[in-house]
Structures are given as C-alpha cells and as structure tokens.
C-alpha cells in the first residue's frame, strides 16, 4: 500500500470523525437530556418499568458519549490523546466505556423483554415486571458490570508502541486482551444484545397486533402500544448501527488481512464508517421516539409548553402583582 493511499485514508477518517462526530455528540447529549426530562416529568412514565429502563439508558448514554465519542473526536480529529499522557485517564476511560456500553445494551434488552411481557396474552406475565423489580434489575446489572470492568482498571496500562515509539494505552495481559477481542467486543456488545432484542422484539410485535381484540383498559392499551412501537423501531435501528460494527471487528480479528493488502484499504474505510454509525445507538433514541410516536410528541410539547411555559408565566404574573414595600415606594 502506497504512502499516498495511507495518507488519503487517514485524512478521510479524520474528516468523517469531525464532520459526523461533533453533530452526533451534540444531538446525542441534547436528546438524552430531553428523554430524561420527559420520562421523569409524567406520572404515566414514572410508573412504567419499560420507561424506567429507557430513562436509565438515557443516563448511561450520556456517559458513553462523553467518554467514548468525545474522546474519539479529540483523538482522531484533533490528535489530542489524553490516554497517552495520563495513566489514570487511560484506565478510567476504558472502564467507564465498558460500564456505560453494557448498561445501555442491558437496559435496551430489558425494555424489549418488558414489552413482550406487558403485551402477553397471559395476565400473570403482564404483571411480572413491576416498577420495583425494574429498580432491582437495574441495580443488579449495574453492579455486575461495575465488577466486570475491574480487570480493565488492572490490565490497561501505558506501554511504548513498537511502531511509533510513543506511549499508548493498551492491554498488557494477553489473556484479557483475548477476552476483550473475542468475548466483550463480539459477543457482549454485539451478537448477544442484538439477538435478545430481535427475538423478544418479534414476540412483542406479534403480541401488540392482538391488543385491539383484547379487553384491556384504554389508558394501558395506548401506553403499551406507544412504548412497544418506540422500542421496536429502536431495535430495528440498532441492527443497522451495531451489526456493521460487529462485522468489521470480526473481520479485523479473524481474517488476518495484511496491511499491505489492497483489501485492507476497504476494511479501514468500512471500519471508520461503522465506528461513526455505531454511536447512533447512543445518539438517536429521543429522535426515534419523536418520529415514531405521535403520543410522545404530544407529551413532549405538553411538558415544555404546558408545564414549563406556564410556570414562567406565573412567575411573571406574581412579579407584576407584587406590592412594593412602603420604604421602597418612598424612594421611587
């Protein structure tokens, strides 16, 4: 591979990271914050286990975007790599990435399973995942992923690169490096969550098509249809954002393509694209909900226009109607 081709691919990857990464970061942080506000402001969502999973997912998505996408923009786009100069940041970034990513995928899987149970024909299954159980499940899995990431704090270290001669943040244990490559990247953050969401999403879709023919209270029926449509569209969206990343990681791991090969150029370019689109899983949930659910759009507008705007209007009215104290009136 010629040096001019390598330079071209590096420039293209840098351009893509800046042009796509910065809008993704801003849109993702804004969308996650709006999701949290909507889900926590309405009693309907606060009492729903599925909405609770989506709320927790929004919180960890913020952490993932700040530690993952922001660092990627600084490293690839502006050559600012704090992991090469700070051992603490090297360990913290990779630890936080693992915890936030796995927690986000877990919440998505739990939300899909919850909608399968909530739309089930069996009344007992409909009541199985209560809001209390949702709290306990989130705490349980969050603790599991916190413990799961402890080896990251141990085995990620600064080591001199044999190619560039610079200090880089790498795994210094060969067994753990194999686990990250074969198990964490391909299975835990790829095949497993995609499979779970596809299976239970398909079952929930089958159930929700039968909802109009069942005797369910209107409010709950509309809520189930709303949340199921939001979750199912996000499942389909995640297939197109996560699967390309899984494929490129698998090819890089097992193909053994030489950097001198012409196929390596296409693989590097595909990896750059899939690396950017991968973050759409953490960026797009709010915008998916707004586009898919008319009821969610109405709830969003109700919160920001019907609640916060009225609250500001009340403050203005109170300010106008206040009685000025005698000592201040005398000075006017």
C-alpha atoms as a PDB file:
ATOM      1  CA  UNK A   1       0.000   0.000   0.000  1.00  0.00           C
ATOM      2  CA  UNK A   2       1.482   3.352  -1.042  1.00  0.00           C
ATOM      3  CA  UNK A   3       2.078   6.128   1.448  1.00  0.00           C
ATOM      4  CA  UNK A   4      -0.200   8.460  -0.512  1.00  0.00           C
ATOM      5  CA  UNK A   5      -3.094   5.994  -0.114  1.00  0.00           C
ATOM      6  CA  UNK A   6      -2.439   5.697   3.615  1.00  0.00           C
ATOM      7  CA  UNK A   7      -2.371   9.482   3.959  1.00  0.00           C
ATOM      8  CA  UNK A   8      -5.610   9.754   1.996  1.00  0.00           C
ATOM      9  CA  UNK A   9      -7.379   7.194   4.207  1.00  0.00           C
ATOM     10  CA  UNK A  10      -6.111   8.945   7.342  1.00  0.00           C
ATOM     11  CA  UNK A  11      -7.397  12.296   6.083  1.00  0.00           C
ATOM     12  CA  UNK A  12     -10.791  10.839   5.146  1.00  0.00           C
ATOM     13  CA  UNK A  13     -11.163   9.146   8.546  1.00  0.00           C
ATOM     14  CA  UNK A  14     -10.226  12.387  10.307  1.00  0.00           C
ATOM     15  CA  UNK A  15     -12.700  14.385   8.210  1.00  0.00           C
ATOM     16  CA  UNK A  16     -15.507  11.883   8.869  1.00  0.00           C
ATOM     17  CA  UNK A  17     -14.836  11.867  12.598  1.00  0.00           C
ATOM     18  CA  UNK A  18     -15.058  15.658  12.828  1.00  0.00           C
ATOM     19  CA  UNK A  19     -17.995  16.177  10.450  1.00  0.00           C
ATOM     20  CA  UNK A  20     -20.096  13.322  11.822  1.00  0.00           C
ATOM     21  CA  UNK A  21     -18.828  13.002  15.378  1.00  0.00           C
ATOM     22  CA  UNK A  22     -19.458  16.573  16.563  1.00  0.00           C
ATOM     23  CA  UNK A  23     -23.116  16.712  15.360  1.00  0.00           C
ATOM     24  CA  UNK A  24     -23.694  13.215  16.785  1.00  0.00           C
ATOM     25  CA  UNK A  25     -22.268  14.308  20.143  1.00  0.00           C
ATOM     26  CA  UNK A  26     -24.361  17.480  20.395  1.00  0.00           C
ATOM     27  CA  UNK A  27     -27.549  15.793  19.193  1.00  0.00           C
ATOM     28  CA  UNK A  28     -26.992  12.803  21.473  1.00  0.00           C
ATOM     29  CA  UNK A  29     -26.431  14.825  24.633  1.00  0.00           C
ATOM     30  CA  UNK A  30     -29.423  17.045  23.910  1.00  0.00           C
ATOM     31  CA  UNK A  31     -31.677  14.098  23.063  1.00  0.00           C
ATOM     32  CA  UNK A  32     -30.690  12.104  26.148  1.00  0.00           C
ATOM     33  CA  UNK A  33     -31.394  15.088  28.418  1.00  0.00           C
ATOM     34  CA  UNK A  34     -34.794  15.630  26.786  1.00  0.00           C
ATOM     35  CA  UNK A  35     -35.606  11.935  27.189  1.00  0.00           C
ATOM     36  CA  UNK A  36     -34.819  12.115  30.894  1.00  0.00           C
ATOM     37  CA  UNK A  37     -36.989  15.213  31.345  1.00  0.00           C
ATOM     38  CA  UNK A  38     -39.963  13.666  29.524  1.00  0.00           C
ATOM     39  CA  UNK A  39     -39.781  10.300  31.280  1.00  0.00           C
ATOM     40  CA  UNK A  40     -39.379  11.828  34.746  1.00  0.00           C
ATOM     41  CA  UNK A  41     -41.984  14.581  34.322  1.00  0.00           C
ATOM     42  CA  UNK A  42     -45.013  12.405  33.549  1.00  0.00           C
ATOM     43  CA  UNK A  43     -46.555  10.068  36.108  1.00  0.00           C
ATOM     44  CA  UNK A  44     -47.515   7.645  33.323  1.00  0.00           C
ATOM     45  CA  UNK A  45     -43.850   7.044  32.532  1.00  0.00           C
ATOM     46  CA  UNK A  46     -42.672   7.123  36.155  1.00  0.00           C
ATOM     47  CA  UNK A  47     -44.946   4.156  36.912  1.00  0.00           C
ATOM     48  CA  UNK A  48     -43.843   2.167  33.832  1.00  0.00           C
ATOM     49  CA  UNK A  49     -40.996  -0.325  34.117  1.00  0.00           C
ATOM     50  CA  UNK A  50     -40.215  -0.049  30.392  1.00  0.00           C
ATOM     51  CA  UNK A  51     -39.955   3.753  30.615  1.00  0.00           C
ATOM     52  CA  UNK A  52     -37.687   3.345  33.649  1.00  0.00           C
ATOM     53  CA  UNK A  53     -35.314   1.164  31.608  1.00  0.00           C
ATOM     54  CA  UNK A  54     -35.289   3.778  28.847  1.00  0.00           C
ATOM     55  CA  UNK A  55     -34.589   6.505  31.428  1.00  0.00           C
ATOM     56  CA  UNK A  56     -31.567   4.665  32.843  1.00  0.00           C
ATOM     57  CA  UNK A  57     -30.404   4.012  29.294  1.00  0.00           C
ATOM     58  CA  UNK A  58     -30.522   7.766  28.609  1.00  0.00           C
ATOM     59  CA  UNK A  59     -28.349   8.461  31.658  1.00  0.00           C
ATOM     60  CA  UNK A  60     -25.639   5.949  30.685  1.00  0.00           C
ATOM     61  CA  UNK A  61     -25.803   7.069  27.042  1.00  0.00           C
ATOM     62  CA  UNK A  62     -24.647  10.486  28.221  1.00  0.00           C
ATOM     63  CA  UNK A  63     -21.687   8.852  29.964  1.00  0.00           C
ATOM     64  CA  UNK A  64     -20.908   6.780  26.880  1.00  0.00           C
ATOM     65  CA  UNK A  65     -20.974   9.801  24.567  1.00  0.00           C
ATOM     66  CA  UNK A  66     -18.747  11.871  26.857  1.00  0.00           C
ATOM     67  CA  UNK A  67     -16.145   9.161  27.446  1.00  0.00           C
ATOM     68  CA  UNK A  68     -16.366   7.425  24.077  1.00  0.00           C
ATOM     69  CA  UNK A  69     -17.410   9.720  21.250  1.00  0.00           C
ATOM     70  CA  UNK A  70     -15.870  12.884  22.684  1.00  0.00           C
ATOM     71  CA  UNK A  71     -12.525  11.116  23.164  1.00  0.00           C
ATOM     72  CA  UNK A  72     -12.760   9.662  19.644  1.00  0.00           C
ATOM     73  CA  UNK A  73     -13.293  13.149  18.199  1.00  0.00           C
ATOM     74  CA  UNK A  74     -10.322  14.556  20.128  1.00  0.00           C
ATOM     75  CA  UNK A  75      -8.046  11.625  19.245  1.00  0.00           C
ATOM     76  CA  UNK A  76      -8.941  11.032  15.580  1.00  0.00           C
ATOM     77  CA  UNK A  77      -9.984  14.552  14.635  1.00  0.00           C
ATOM     78  CA  UNK A  78      -7.593  16.803  16.551  1.00  0.00           C
ATOM     79  CA  UNK A  79      -4.741  14.453  17.613  1.00  0.00           C
ATOM     80  CA  UNK A  80      -5.441  15.166  21.296  1.00  0.00           C
ATOM     81  CA  UNK A  81      -4.991  11.847  23.098  1.00  0.00           C
ATOM     82  CA  UNK A  82      -5.101  12.157  26.876  1.00  0.00           C
ATOM     83  CA  UNK A  83      -4.841   8.357  27.242  1.00  0.00           C
ATOM     84  CA  UNK A  84      -1.204   8.591  26.095  1.00  0.00           C
ATOM     85  CA  UNK A  85      -0.228  11.051  28.807  1.00  0.00           C
ATOM     86  CA  UNK A  86      -2.369  10.063  31.800  1.00  0.00           C
ATOM     87  CA  UNK A  87      -2.462   6.520  33.175  1.00  0.00           C
ATOM     88  CA  UNK A  88      -5.478   7.385  35.336  1.00  0.00           C
ATOM     89  CA  UNK A  89      -7.461   8.603  32.330  1.00  0.00           C
ATOM     90  CA  UNK A  90      -6.330   5.590  30.299  1.00  0.00           C
ATOM     91  CA  UNK A  91      -7.867   3.262  32.889  1.00  0.00           C
ATOM     92  CA  UNK A  92     -10.921   5.405  33.686  1.00  0.00           C
ATOM     93  CA  UNK A  93     -11.944   5.925  30.047  1.00  0.00           C
ATOM     94  CA  UNK A  94     -11.912   2.245  29.158  1.00  0.00           C
ATOM     95  CA  UNK A  95     -13.599   1.274  32.435  1.00  0.00           C
ATOM     96  CA  UNK A  96     -16.349   3.855  32.004  1.00  0.00           C
ATOM     97  CA  UNK A  97     -16.833   2.852  28.351  1.00  0.00           C
ATOM     98  CA  UNK A  98     -17.374  -0.770  29.348  1.00  0.00           C
ATOM     99  CA  UNK A  99     -19.819   0.005  32.155  1.00  0.00           C
ATOM    100  CA  UNK A 100     -21.866   2.536  30.162  1.00  0.00           C
ATOM    101  CA  UNK A 101     -21.987   0.435  26.992  1.00  0.00           C
ATOM    102  CA  UNK A 102     -23.016  -2.780  28.731  1.00  0.00           C
ATOM    103  CA  UNK A 103     -25.568  -0.976  30.926  1.00  0.00           C
ATOM    104  CA  UNK A 104     -27.090   0.734  27.877  1.00  0.00           C
ATOM    105  CA  UNK A 105     -27.416  -2.554  25.978  1.00  0.00           C
ATOM    106  CA  UNK A 106     -28.799  -4.277  29.071  1.00  0.00           C
ATOM    107  CA  UNK A 107     -31.496  -1.617  29.522  1.00  0.00           C
ATOM    108  CA  UNK A 108     -32.439  -1.948  25.852  1.00  0.00           C
ATOM    109  CA  UNK A 109     -32.739  -5.728  26.231  1.00  0.00           C
ATOM    110  CA  UNK A 110     -34.780  -5.381  29.438  1.00  0.00           C
ATOM    111  CA  UNK A 111     -37.100  -2.834  27.810  1.00  0.00           C
ATOM    112  CA  UNK A 112     -37.716  -5.231  24.921  1.00  0.00           C
ATOM    113  CA  UNK A 113     -38.371  -8.150  27.277  1.00  0.00           C
ATOM    114  CA  UNK A 114     -40.645  -5.929  29.375  1.00  0.00           C
ATOM    115  CA  UNK A 115     -42.778  -5.069  26.346  1.00  0.00           C
ATOM    116  CA  UNK A 116     -43.022  -8.723  25.412  1.00  0.00           C
ATOM    117  CA  UNK A 117     -44.331  -9.493  28.896  1.00  0.00           C
ATOM    118  CA  UNK A 118     -46.601  -6.425  29.064  1.00  0.00           C
ATOM    119  CA  UNK A 119     -48.297  -7.320  25.767  1.00  0.00           C
ATOM    120  CA  UNK A 120     -48.516 -11.043  26.539  1.00  0.00           C
ATOM    121  CA  UNK A 121     -51.827 -12.916  26.427  1.00  0.00           C
ATOM    122  CA  UNK A 122     -51.184 -14.240  29.923  1.00  0.00           C
ATOM    123  CA  UNK A 123     -52.310 -11.819  32.697  1.00  0.00           C
ATOM    124  CA  UNK A 124     -49.662 -13.159  35.072  1.00  0.00           C
ATOM    125  CA  UNK A 125     -46.887 -12.280  32.646  1.00  0.00           C
ATOM    126  CA  UNK A 126     -48.344  -8.804  32.132  1.00  0.00           C
ATOM    127  CA  UNK A 127     -47.839  -8.016  35.819  1.00  0.00           C
ATOM    128  CA  UNK A 128     -44.491  -9.766  36.165  1.00  0.00           C
ATOM    129  CA  UNK A 129     -42.087  -6.831  35.688  1.00  0.00           C
ATOM    130  CA  UNK A 130     -43.250  -4.260  38.222  1.00  0.00           C
ATOM    131  CA  UNK A 131     -41.509  -0.941  38.711  1.00  0.00           C
ATOM    132  CA  UNK A 132     -39.907  -2.287  41.906  1.00  0.00           C
ATOM    133  CA  UNK A 133     -38.464  -5.278  40.033  1.00  0.00           C
ATOM    134  CA  UNK A 134     -37.205  -2.897  37.364  1.00  0.00           C
ATOM    135  CA  UNK A 135     -35.294  -0.950  40.041  1.00  0.00           C
ATOM    136  CA  UNK A 136     -33.759  -4.148  41.398  1.00  0.00           C
ATOM    137  CA  UNK A 137     -32.798  -5.456  37.950  1.00  0.00           C
ATOM    138  CA  UNK A 138     -31.064  -2.205  37.011  1.00  0.00           C
ATOM    139  CA  UNK A 139     -29.151  -2.126  40.288  1.00  0.00           C
ATOM    140  CA  UNK A 140     -28.185  -5.798  39.911  1.00  0.00           C
ATOM    141  CA  UNK A 141     -26.880  -5.490  36.367  1.00  0.00           C
ATOM    142  CA  UNK A 142     -25.146  -2.180  37.079  1.00  0.00           C
ATOM    143  CA  UNK A 143     -23.236  -3.792  39.955  1.00  0.00           C
ATOM    144  CA  UNK A 144     -22.389  -6.785  37.735  1.00  0.00           C
ATOM    145  CA  UNK A 145     -20.942  -4.529  35.038  1.00  0.00           C
ATOM    146  CA  UNK A 146     -19.046  -2.484  37.631  1.00  0.00           C
ATOM    147  CA  UNK A 147     -17.409  -5.687  38.870  1.00  0.00           C
ATOM    148  CA  UNK A 148     -16.937  -6.965  35.316  1.00  0.00           C
ATOM    149  CA  UNK A 149     -14.859  -3.898  34.474  1.00  0.00           C
ATOM    150  CA  UNK A 150     -12.391  -4.246  37.368  1.00  0.00           C
ATOM    151  CA  UNK A 151      -9.792  -6.104  35.220  1.00  0.00           C
ATOM    152  CA  UNK A 152      -9.830  -3.069  32.929  1.00  0.00           C
ATOM    153  CA  UNK A 153      -8.505  -0.950  35.807  1.00  0.00           C
ATOM    154  CA  UNK A 154      -5.746  -3.510  36.328  1.00  0.00           C
ATOM    155  CA  UNK A 155      -4.620  -4.524  32.833  1.00  0.00           C
ATOM    156  CA  UNK A 156      -4.913  -1.278  30.872  1.00  0.00           C
ATOM    157  CA  UNK A 157      -1.541   0.461  31.106  1.00  0.00           C
ATOM    158  CA  UNK A 158       0.739   2.818  29.216  1.00  0.00           C
ATOM    159  CA  UNK A 159       3.267   0.962  27.073  1.00  0.00           C
ATOM    160  CA  UNK A 160       5.682   2.001  24.361  1.00  0.00           C
ATOM    161  CA  UNK A 161       4.467   1.265  20.845  1.00  0.00           C
ATOM    162  CA  UNK A 162       6.968  -0.787  18.795  1.00  0.00           C
ATOM    163  CA  UNK A 163       5.828   1.045  15.650  1.00  0.00           C
ATOM    164  CA  UNK A 164       5.721   4.714  16.663  1.00  0.00           C
ATOM    165  CA  UNK A 165       7.833   4.582  19.800  1.00  0.00           C
ATOM    166  CA  UNK A 166       5.224   6.626  21.699  1.00  0.00           C
ATOM    167  CA  UNK A 167       3.447   5.660  24.907  1.00  0.00           C
ATOM    168  CA  UNK A 168       0.000   4.220  24.170  1.00  0.00           C
ATOM    169  CA  UNK A 169      -2.881   2.939  26.299  1.00  0.00           C
ATOM    170  CA  UNK A 170      -3.077  -0.830  25.754  1.00  0.00           C
ATOM    171  CA  UNK A 171      -3.971  -4.089  27.500  1.00  0.00           C
ATOM    172  CA  UNK A 172      -0.808  -5.611  28.934  1.00  0.00           C
ATOM    173  CA  UNK A 173      -2.280  -9.045  29.711  1.00  0.00           C
ATOM    174  CA  UNK A 174      -2.579 -11.422  26.732  1.00  0.00           C
ATOM    175  CA  UNK A 175      -5.441 -13.471  28.223  1.00  0.00           C
ATOM    176  CA  UNK A 176      -7.543 -10.404  28.999  1.00  0.00           C
ATOM    177  CA  UNK A 177      -6.739  -8.972  25.581  1.00  0.00           C
ATOM    178  CA  UNK A 178      -8.125 -12.171  24.027  1.00  0.00           C
ATOM    179  CA  UNK A 179     -11.243 -11.914  26.200  1.00  0.00           C
ATOM    180  CA  UNK A 180     -11.874  -8.303  25.152  1.00  0.00           C
ATOM    181  CA  UNK A 181     -11.421  -9.140  21.473  1.00  0.00           C
ATOM    182  CA  UNK A 182     -13.378 -12.398  21.261  1.00  0.00           C
ATOM    183  CA  UNK A 183     -15.956 -12.119  24.060  1.00  0.00           C
ATOM    184  CA  UNK A 184     -16.576  -8.499  25.008  1.00  0.00           C
ATOM    185  CA  UNK A 185     -16.415  -6.802  21.598  1.00  0.00           C
ATOM    186  CA  UNK A 186     -18.075  -9.519  19.508  1.00  0.00           C
ATOM    187  CA  UNK A 187     -20.489 -11.227  21.924  1.00  0.00           C
ATOM    188  CA  UNK A 188     -21.354  -8.958  24.894  1.00  0.00           C
ATOM    189  CA  UNK A 189     -21.607  -5.742  22.874  1.00  0.00           C
ATOM    190  CA  UNK A 190     -22.651  -7.342  19.601  1.00  0.00           C
ATOM    191  CA  UNK A 191     -24.239 -10.719  18.998  1.00  0.00           C
ATOM    192  CA  UNK A 192     -25.909 -11.147  22.409  1.00  0.00           C
ATOM    193  CA  UNK A 193     -27.840  -7.831  22.699  1.00  0.00           C
ATOM    194  CA  UNK A 194     -28.811  -7.893  19.012  1.00  0.00           C
ATOM    195  CA  UNK A 195     -30.129 -11.457  19.300  1.00  0.00           C
ATOM    196  CA  UNK A 196     -32.089 -10.776  22.507  1.00  0.00           C
ATOM    197  CA  UNK A 197     -33.720  -7.622  21.167  1.00  0.00           C
ATOM    198  CA  UNK A 198     -34.611  -9.245  17.831  1.00  0.00           C
ATOM    199  CA  UNK A 199     -36.182 -12.324  19.470  1.00  0.00           C
ATOM    200  CA  UNK A 200     -38.207 -10.525  22.132  1.00  0.00           C
ATOM    201  CA  UNK A 201     -38.963  -7.608  19.826  1.00  0.00           C
ATOM    202  CA  UNK A 202     -40.500 -10.001  17.295  1.00  0.00           C
ATOM    203  CA  UNK A 203     -42.563 -11.657  20.035  1.00  0.00           C
ATOM    204  CA  UNK A 204     -43.725  -8.263  21.331  1.00  0.00           C
ATOM    205  CA  UNK A 205     -44.713  -7.223  17.800  1.00  0.00           C
ATOM    206  CA  UNK A 206     -46.799 -10.372  17.470  1.00  0.00           C
ATOM    207  CA  UNK A 207     -48.493  -9.655  20.796  1.00  0.00           C
ATOM    208  CA  UNK A 208     -49.196  -5.990  20.121  1.00  0.00           C
ATOM    209  CA  UNK A 209     -51.038  -6.815  16.901  1.00  0.00           C
ATOM    210  CA  UNK A 210     -53.588  -8.662  19.039  1.00  0.00           C
ATOM    211  CA  UNK A 211     -54.121  -5.797  21.512  1.00  0.00           C
ATOM    212  CA  UNK A 212     -57.169  -4.275  19.726  1.00  0.00           C
ATOM    213  CA  UNK A 213     -59.028  -7.569  20.163  1.00  0.00           C
ATOM    214  CA  UNK A 214     -58.400  -7.878  23.908  1.00  0.00           C
ATOM    215  CA  UNK A 215     -60.242  -6.348  26.844  1.00  0.00           C
ATOM    216  CA  UNK A 216     -57.573  -4.066  28.289  1.00  0.00           C
ATOM    217  CA  UNK A 217     -58.145  -0.638  29.891  1.00  0.00           C
ATOM    218  CA  UNK A 218     -57.795   2.088  27.263  1.00  0.00           C
ATOM    219  CA  UNK A 219     -55.019   4.013  29.043  1.00  0.00           C
ATOM    220  CA  UNK A 220     -52.850   0.953  29.471  1.00  0.00           C
ATOM    221  CA  UNK A 221     -53.554  -0.272  25.946  1.00  0.00           C
ATOM    222  CA  UNK A 222     -52.400   3.044  24.471  1.00  0.00           C
ATOM    223  CA  UNK A 223     -49.308   3.094  26.705  1.00  0.00           C
ATOM    224  CA  UNK A 224     -48.368  -0.473  25.690  1.00  0.00           C
ATOM    225  CA  UNK A 225     -48.788   0.350  22.006  1.00  0.00           C
ATOM    226  CA  UNK A 226     -46.777   3.547  22.383  1.00  0.00           C
ATOM    227  CA  UNK A 227     -43.840   2.005  24.253  1.00  0.00           C
ATOM    228  CA  UNK A 228     -43.807  -1.109  22.068  1.00  0.00           C
ATOM    229  CA  UNK A 229     -43.637   0.926  18.857  1.00  0.00           C
ATOM    230  CA  UNK A 230     -40.864   3.096  20.330  1.00  0.00           C
ATOM    231  CA  UNK A 231     -38.835   0.090  21.454  1.00  0.00           C
ATOM    232  CA  UNK A 232     -39.368  -1.976  18.294  1.00  0.00           C
ATOM    233  CA  UNK A 233     -38.277   0.795  15.936  1.00  0.00           C
ATOM    234  CA  UNK A 234     -35.195   1.331  18.075  1.00  0.00           C
ATOM    235  CA  UNK A 235     -34.448  -2.414  17.851  1.00  0.00           C
ATOM    236  CA  UNK A 236     -34.541  -2.234  14.041  1.00  0.00           C
ATOM    237  CA  UNK A 237     -32.438   0.929  14.122  1.00  0.00           C
ATOM    238  CA  UNK A 238     -29.848  -0.748  16.363  1.00  0.00           C
ATOM    239  CA  UNK A 239     -29.493  -3.656  13.949  1.00  0.00           C
ATOM    240  CA  UNK A 240     -28.286  -1.269  11.242  1.00  0.00           C
ATOM    241  CA  UNK A 241     -25.955   0.613  13.622  1.00  0.00           C
ATOM    242  CA  UNK A 242     -24.458  -2.255  15.643  1.00  0.00           C
ATOM    243  CA  UNK A 243     -24.227  -5.123  13.124  1.00  0.00           C
ATOM    244  CA  UNK A 244     -21.816  -3.330  10.711  1.00  0.00           C
ATOM    245  CA  UNK A 245     -19.519  -2.643  13.646  1.00  0.00           C
ATOM    246  CA  UNK A 246     -19.657  -6.331  14.673  1.00  0.00           C
ATOM    247  CA  UNK A 247     -18.820  -7.425  11.129  1.00  0.00           C
ATOM    248  CA  UNK A 248     -15.809  -5.132  10.784  1.00  0.00           C
ATOM    249  CA  UNK A 249     -14.492  -6.108  14.232  1.00  0.00           C
ATOM    250  CA  UNK A 250     -14.861  -9.801  13.385  1.00  0.00           C
ATOM    251  CA  UNK A 251     -13.066  -9.395  10.055  1.00  0.00           C
ATOM    252  CA  UNK A 252     -10.243  -7.468  11.696  1.00  0.00           C
ATOM    253  CA  UNK A 253      -9.919 -10.149  14.377  1.00  0.00           C
ATOM    254  CA  UNK A 254     -10.096 -13.359  12.382  1.00  0.00           C
ATOM    255  CA  UNK A 255      -9.268 -12.551   8.750  1.00  0.00           C
ATOM    256  CA  UNK A 256      -5.582 -11.847   9.215  1.00  0.00           C
ATOM    257  CA  UNK A 257      -5.551  -9.365   6.311  1.00  0.00           C
ATOM    258  CA  UNK A 258      -2.128  -7.838   5.810  1.00  0.00           C
ATOM    259  CA  UNK A 259      -1.815  -4.046   5.964  1.00  0.00           C
ATOM    260  CA  UNK A 260      -0.079  -4.307   2.578  1.00  0.00           C
ATOM    261  CA  UNK A 261      -3.175  -5.875   1.002  1.00  0.00           C
ATOM    262  CA  UNK A 262      -5.499  -3.836  -1.198  1.00  0.00           C
ATOM    263  CA  UNK A 263      -8.494  -5.213   0.759  1.00  0.00           C
ATOM    264  CA  UNK A 264      -7.089  -3.554   3.850  1.00  0.00           C
ATOM    265  CA  UNK A 265      -7.968  -0.116   2.428  1.00  0.00           C
ATOM    266  CA  UNK A 266     -11.636  -1.015   2.074  1.00  0.00           C
ATOM    267  CA  UNK A 267     -11.632  -2.579   5.533  1.00  0.00           C
ATOM    268  CA  UNK A 268     -10.143   0.511   7.166  1.00  0.00           C
ATOM    269  CA  UNK A 269     -12.632   2.763   5.391  1.00  0.00           C
ATOM    270  CA  UNK A 270     -15.532   0.492   6.376  1.00  0.00           C
ATOM    271  CA  UNK A 271     -14.290   0.470   9.954  1.00  0.00           C
ATOM    272  CA  UNK A 272     -14.240   4.285  10.013  1.00  0.00           C
ATOM    273  CA  UNK A 273     -17.834   4.453   8.769  1.00  0.00           C
ATOM    274  CA  UNK A 274     -19.136   1.738  11.110  1.00  0.00           C
ATOM    275  CA  UNK A 275     -17.266   3.351  14.006  1.00  0.00           C
ATOM    276  CA  UNK A 276     -19.208   6.581  13.464  1.00  0.00           C
ATOM    277  CA  UNK A 277     -22.598   4.973  12.846  1.00  0.00           C
ATOM    278  CA  UNK A 278     -22.106   2.787  15.938  1.00  0.00           C
ATOM    279  CA  UNK A 279     -22.642   5.852  18.137  1.00  0.00           C
ATOM    280  CA  UNK A 280     -26.091   6.403  16.612  1.00  0.00           C
ATOM    281  CA  UNK A 281     -27.332   3.802  19.112  1.00  0.00           C
ATOM    282  CA  UNK A 282     -26.494   6.254  21.891  1.00  0.00           C
ATOM    283  CA  UNK A 283     -27.455   9.395  19.933  1.00  0.00           C
ATOM    284  CA  UNK A 284     -30.822   8.693  18.323  1.00  0.00           C
ATOM    285  CA  UNK A 285     -33.302   7.297  20.918  1.00  0.00           C
ATOM    286  CA  UNK A 286     -35.080  10.615  21.548  1.00  0.00           C
ATOM    287  CA  UNK A 287     -35.403  11.399  17.844  1.00  0.00           C
ATOM    288  CA  UNK A 288     -36.692   7.883  17.158  1.00  0.00           C
ATOM    289  CA  UNK A 289     -39.386   8.301  19.813  1.00  0.00           C
ATOM    290  CA  UNK A 290     -40.408  11.700  18.442  1.00  0.00           C
ATOM    291  CA  UNK A 291     -40.675  10.405  14.867  1.00  0.00           C
ATOM    292  CA  UNK A 292     -42.415   7.123  15.710  1.00  0.00           C
ATOM    293  CA  UNK A 293     -44.896   8.090  18.419  1.00  0.00           C
ATOM    294  CA  UNK A 294     -47.420  10.887  17.954  1.00  0.00           C
ATOM    295  CA  UNK A 295     -48.341  10.497  21.619  1.00  0.00           C
ATOM    296  CA  UNK A 296     -44.698  11.027  22.658  1.00  0.00           C
ATOM    297  CA  UNK A 297     -44.577  14.226  20.577  1.00  0.00           C
ATOM    298  CA  UNK A 298     -47.720  15.471  22.301  1.00  0.00           C
ATOM    299  CA  UNK A 299     -46.293  14.582  25.714  1.00  0.00           C
ATOM    300  CA  UNK A 300     -43.043  16.368  24.871  1.00  0.00           C
ATOM    301  CA  UNK A 301     -44.896  19.515  23.812  1.00  0.00           C
ATOM    302  CA  UNK A 302     -47.184  19.277  26.858  1.00  0.00           C
ATOM    303  CA  UNK A 303     -44.181  19.236  29.183  1.00  0.00           C
ATOM    304  CA  UNK A 304     -42.273  22.126  27.641  1.00  0.00           C
ATOM    305  CA  UNK A 305     -45.229  24.280  26.614  1.00  0.00           C
ATOM    306  CA  UNK A 306     -47.964  23.252  29.030  1.00  0.00           C
ATOM    307  CA  UNK A 307     -45.848  22.981  32.187  1.00  0.00           C
ATOM    308  CA  UNK A 308     -42.612  24.966  31.985  1.00  0.00           C
ATOM    309  CA  UNK A 309     -44.022  27.851  29.956  1.00  0.00           C
ATOM    310  CA  UNK A 310     -46.994  28.227  32.315  1.00  0.00           C
ATOM    311  CA  UNK A 311     -44.617  28.118  35.260  1.00  0.00           C
ATOM    312  CA  UNK A 312     -42.654  31.023  33.781  1.00  0.00           C
ATOM    313  CA  UNK A 313     -45.876  32.909  33.097  1.00  0.00           C
ATOM    314  CA  UNK A 314     -46.934  32.500  36.724  1.00  0.00           C
ATOM    315  CA  UNK A 315     -43.616  33.970  37.849  1.00  0.00           C
ATOM    316  CA  UNK A 316     -44.156  36.982  35.592  1.00  0.00           C
ATOM    317  CA  UNK A 317     -47.720  37.490  36.894  1.00  0.00           C
ATOM    318  CA  UNK A 318     -46.557  37.220  40.505  1.00  0.00           C
ATOM    319  CA  UNK A 319     -43.812  39.736  39.794  1.00  0.00           C
ATOM    320  CA  UNK A 320     -46.302  42.197  38.284  1.00  0.00           C
ATOM    321  CA  UNK A 321     -48.826  41.820  41.100  1.00  0.00           C
ATOM    322  CA  UNK A 322     -46.320  42.189  43.961  1.00  0.00           C
ATOM    323  CA  UNK A 323     -46.942  45.061  46.379  1.00  0.00           C
ATOM    324  CA  UNK A 324     -43.965  47.357  46.664  1.00  0.00           C
ATOM    325  CA  UNK A 325     -42.888  47.920  50.317  1.00  0.00           C
ATOM    326  CA  UNK A 326     -43.519  51.373  51.771  1.00  0.00           C
ATOM    327  CA  UNK A 327     -39.825  52.208  52.271  1.00  0.00           C
ATOM    328  CA  UNK A 328     -39.030  51.343  48.643  1.00  0.00           C
ATOM    329  CA  UNK A 329     -42.117  53.292  47.345  1.00  0.00           C
ATOM    330  CA  UNK A 330     -40.964  56.373  49.160  1.00  0.00           C
ATOM    331  CA  UNK A 331     -37.614  56.221  47.374  1.00  0.00           C
ATOM    332  CA  UNK A 332     -39.205  56.000  43.897  1.00  0.00           C
END
